[in-house]
C-alpha atoms as a PDB file:
ATOM      1  CA  MET A   1       0.000   0.000   0.000  1.00  0.00           C
ATOM      2  CA  ASP A   2       1.345   3.392  -0.955  1.00  0.00           C
ATOM      3  CA  PRO A   3       2.027   5.227   2.337  1.00  0.00           C
ATOM      4  CA  GLN A   4       0.984   8.544   0.762  1.00  0.00           C
ATOM      5  CA  THR A   5      -2.443   7.179  -0.215  1.00  0.00           C
ATOM      6  CA  PHE A   6      -2.849   5.352   3.072  1.00  0.00           C
ATOM      7  CA  LEU A   7      -2.253   8.559   5.006  1.00  0.00           C
ATOM      8  CA  THR A   8      -5.010  10.335   3.059  1.00  0.00           C
ATOM      9  CA  GLU A   9      -7.493   7.524   3.769  1.00  0.00           C
ATOM     10  CA  GLN A  10      -6.531   7.013   7.408  1.00  0.00           C
ATOM     11  CA  PRO A  11      -8.495   9.916   8.964  1.00  0.00           C
ATOM     12  CA  LYS A  12     -11.772   8.637   7.477  1.00  0.00           C
ATOM     13  CA  LEU A  13     -11.152   5.152   8.808  1.00  0.00           C
ATOM     14  CA  ILE A  14     -10.119   6.416  12.249  1.00  0.00           C
ATOM     15  CA  GLY A  15     -13.274   8.543  12.451  1.00  0.00           C
ATOM     16  CA  ARG A  16     -15.420   5.567  11.540  1.00  0.00           C
ATOM     17  CA  LEU A  17     -13.687   3.366  14.115  1.00  0.00           C
ATOM     18  CA  ARG A  18     -14.129   5.981  16.824  1.00  0.00           C
ATOM     19  CA  ARG A  19     -17.862   6.131  16.125  1.00  0.00           C
ATOM     20  CA  ILE A  20     -18.026   2.339  16.402  1.00  0.00           C
ATOM     21  CA  GLU A  21     -16.051   2.492  19.651  1.00  0.00           C
ATOM     22  CA  GLY A  22     -18.588   5.022  20.964  1.00  0.00           C
ATOM     23  CA  GLN A  23     -21.439   2.722  20.023  1.00  0.00           C
ATOM     24  CA  ILE A  24     -19.836  -0.174  21.898  1.00  0.00           C
ATOM     25  CA  ARG A  25     -19.260   1.998  24.957  1.00  0.00           C
ATOM     26  CA  GLY A  26     -22.909   3.002  24.737  1.00  0.00           C
ATOM     27  CA  VAL A  27     -23.954  -0.648  24.710  1.00  0.00           C
ATOM     28  CA  GLU A  28     -21.774  -1.310  27.757  1.00  0.00           C
ATOM     29  CA  LYS A  29     -23.446   1.593  29.548  1.00  0.00           C
ATOM     30  CA  MET A  30     -26.879   0.282  28.583  1.00  0.00           C
ATOM     31  CA  VAL A  31     -26.042  -3.132  30.029  1.00  0.00           C
ATOM     32  CA  ASN A  32     -24.783  -1.523  33.243  1.00  0.00           C
ATOM     33  CA  GLU A  33     -28.021   0.449  33.452  1.00  0.00           C
ATOM     34  CA  ASN A  34     -30.089  -2.731  32.965  1.00  0.00           C
ATOM     35  CA  ARG A  35     -31.771  -1.335  29.870  1.00  0.00           C
ATOM     36  CA  SER A  36     -34.226  -3.555  28.039  1.00  0.00           C
ATOM     37  CA  CYS A  37     -32.901  -6.493  26.054  1.00  0.00           C
ATOM     38  CA  ARG A  38     -34.558  -5.108  22.939  1.00  0.00           C
ATOM     39  CA  GLU A  39     -32.694  -1.784  23.240  1.00  0.00           C
ATOM     40  CA  VAL A  40     -29.356  -3.512  23.845  1.00  0.00           C
ATOM     41  CA  ILE A  41     -29.811  -5.869  20.905  1.00  0.00           C
ATOM     42  CA  GLN A  42     -30.858  -2.985  18.680  1.00  0.00           C
ATOM     43  CA  GLN A  43     -27.655  -1.113  19.532  1.00  0.00           C
ATOM     44  CA  LEU A  44     -25.503  -4.232  19.080  1.00  0.00           C
ATOM     45  CA  VAL A  45     -26.993  -4.744  15.627  1.00  0.00           C
ATOM     46  CA  ALA A  46     -26.305  -1.090  14.794  1.00  0.00           C
ATOM     47  CA  ALA A  47     -22.680  -1.484  15.931  1.00  0.00           C
ATOM     48  CA  ARG A  48     -22.298  -4.660  13.877  1.00  0.00           C
ATOM     49  CA  SER A  49     -23.723  -2.882  10.844  1.00  0.00           C
ATOM     50  CA  ALA A  50     -21.272  -0.020  11.325  1.00  0.00           C
ATOM     51  CA  MET A  51     -18.394  -2.497  11.590  1.00  0.00           C
ATOM     52  CA  ASP A  52     -19.533  -4.323   8.442  1.00  0.00           C
ATOM     53  CA  SER A  53     -19.671  -1.004   6.627  1.00  0.00           C
ATOM     54  CA  ALA A  54     -16.164  -0.090   7.822  1.00  0.00           C
ATOM     55  CA  ILE A  55     -14.855  -3.438   6.592  1.00  0.00           C
ATOM     56  CA  LEU A  56     -16.371  -2.915   3.148  1.00  0.00           C
ATOM     57  CA  VAL A  57     -15.124   0.655   2.808  1.00  0.00           C
ATOM     58  CA  PHE A  58     -11.629  -0.265   3.945  1.00  0.00           C
ATOM     59  CA  SER A  59     -11.545  -3.351   1.722  1.00  0.00           C
ATOM     60  CA  GLU A  60     -12.592  -1.293  -1.293  1.00  0.00           C
ATOM     61  CA  ASP A  61      -9.940   1.323  -0.557  1.00  0.00           C
ATOM     62  CA  TYR A  62      -7.327  -1.362   0.034  1.00  0.00           C
ATOM     63  CA  LEU A  63      -8.083  -3.100  -3.249  1.00  0.00           C
ATOM     64  CA  THR A  64      -8.112   0.178  -5.147  1.00  0.00           C
ATOM     65  CA  ILE A  65      -4.800   1.245  -3.640  1.00  0.00           C
ATOM     66  CA  CYS A  66      -3.164  -2.129  -4.180  1.00  0.00           C
ATOM     67  CA  MET A  67      -4.426  -2.345  -7.741  1.00  0.00           C
ATOM     68  CA  ARG A  68      -2.460   0.849  -8.456  1.00  0.00           C
ATOM     69  CA  ASP A  69       0.730  -0.804  -7.207  1.00  0.00           C
ATOM     70  CA  PRO A  70       3.010  -1.400 -10.230  1.00  0.00           C
ATOM     71  CA  GLU A  71       4.091  -4.733  -8.737  1.00  0.00           C
ATOM     72  CA  LYS A  72       0.486  -5.912  -8.942  1.00  0.00           C
ATOM     73  CA  ASP A  73       0.234  -5.478 -12.736  1.00  0.00           C
ATOM     74  CA  ASP A  74       0.541  -9.241 -13.026  1.00  0.00           C
ATOM     75  CA  PRO A  75      -3.059 -10.555 -13.362  1.00  0.00           C
ATOM     76  CA  HIS A  76      -2.179 -13.635 -11.288  1.00  0.00           C
ATOM     77  CA  LYS A  77      -0.979 -11.456  -8.398  1.00  0.00           C
ATOM     78  CA  ARG A  78      -4.185  -9.425  -8.581  1.00  0.00           C
ATOM     79  CA  GLU A  79      -6.321 -12.548  -8.572  1.00  0.00           C
ATOM     80  CA  GLN A  80      -4.399 -13.869  -5.579  1.00  0.00           C
ATOM     81  CA  MET A  81      -4.893 -10.583  -3.733  1.00  0.00           C
ATOM     82  CA  VAL A  82      -8.656 -10.745  -4.316  1.00  0.00           C
ATOM     83  CA  ARG A  83      -8.794 -14.420  -3.273  1.00  0.00           C
ATOM     84  CA  ASP A  84      -6.845 -13.616  -0.093  1.00  0.00           C
ATOM     85  CA  LEU A  85      -9.243 -10.819   0.824  1.00  0.00           C
ATOM     86  CA  ILE A  86     -12.273 -13.012   0.167  1.00  0.00           C
ATOM     87  CA  ALA A  87     -10.768 -15.765   2.320  1.00  0.00           C
ATOM     88  CA  ILE A  88     -10.169 -13.337   5.178  1.00  0.00           C
ATOM     89  CA  MET A  89     -13.693 -11.954   4.915  1.00  0.00           C
ATOM     90  CA  GLY A  90     -15.096 -15.482   4.718  1.00  0.00           C
ATOM     91  CA  LYS A  91     -13.651 -16.275   8.147  1.00  0.00           C
ATOM     92  CA  ALA A  92     -15.995 -13.674   9.621  1.00  0.00           C
ATOM     93  CA  ILE A  93     -19.092 -15.500   8.418  1.00  0.00           C
END
């Protein structure tokens, strides 16, 4: 990954991760306050959705950045990179 490009994308990712962190802290607070199960589950689902979105955005940026890498001009290397990412994402299912 080109460090220059990574540095321009990093603030967006950090902001997204901080929002997710805030959601998780909110869920922890809700549990400590004995809030209803429905409310807690609703917030957990929202946090999971935010995490899924962050994964997709980062993966798209990563692939776009790596595809610009001159070393990745080899179609076999590109295919391997995509297969690797799919394998990693498949572990989360």
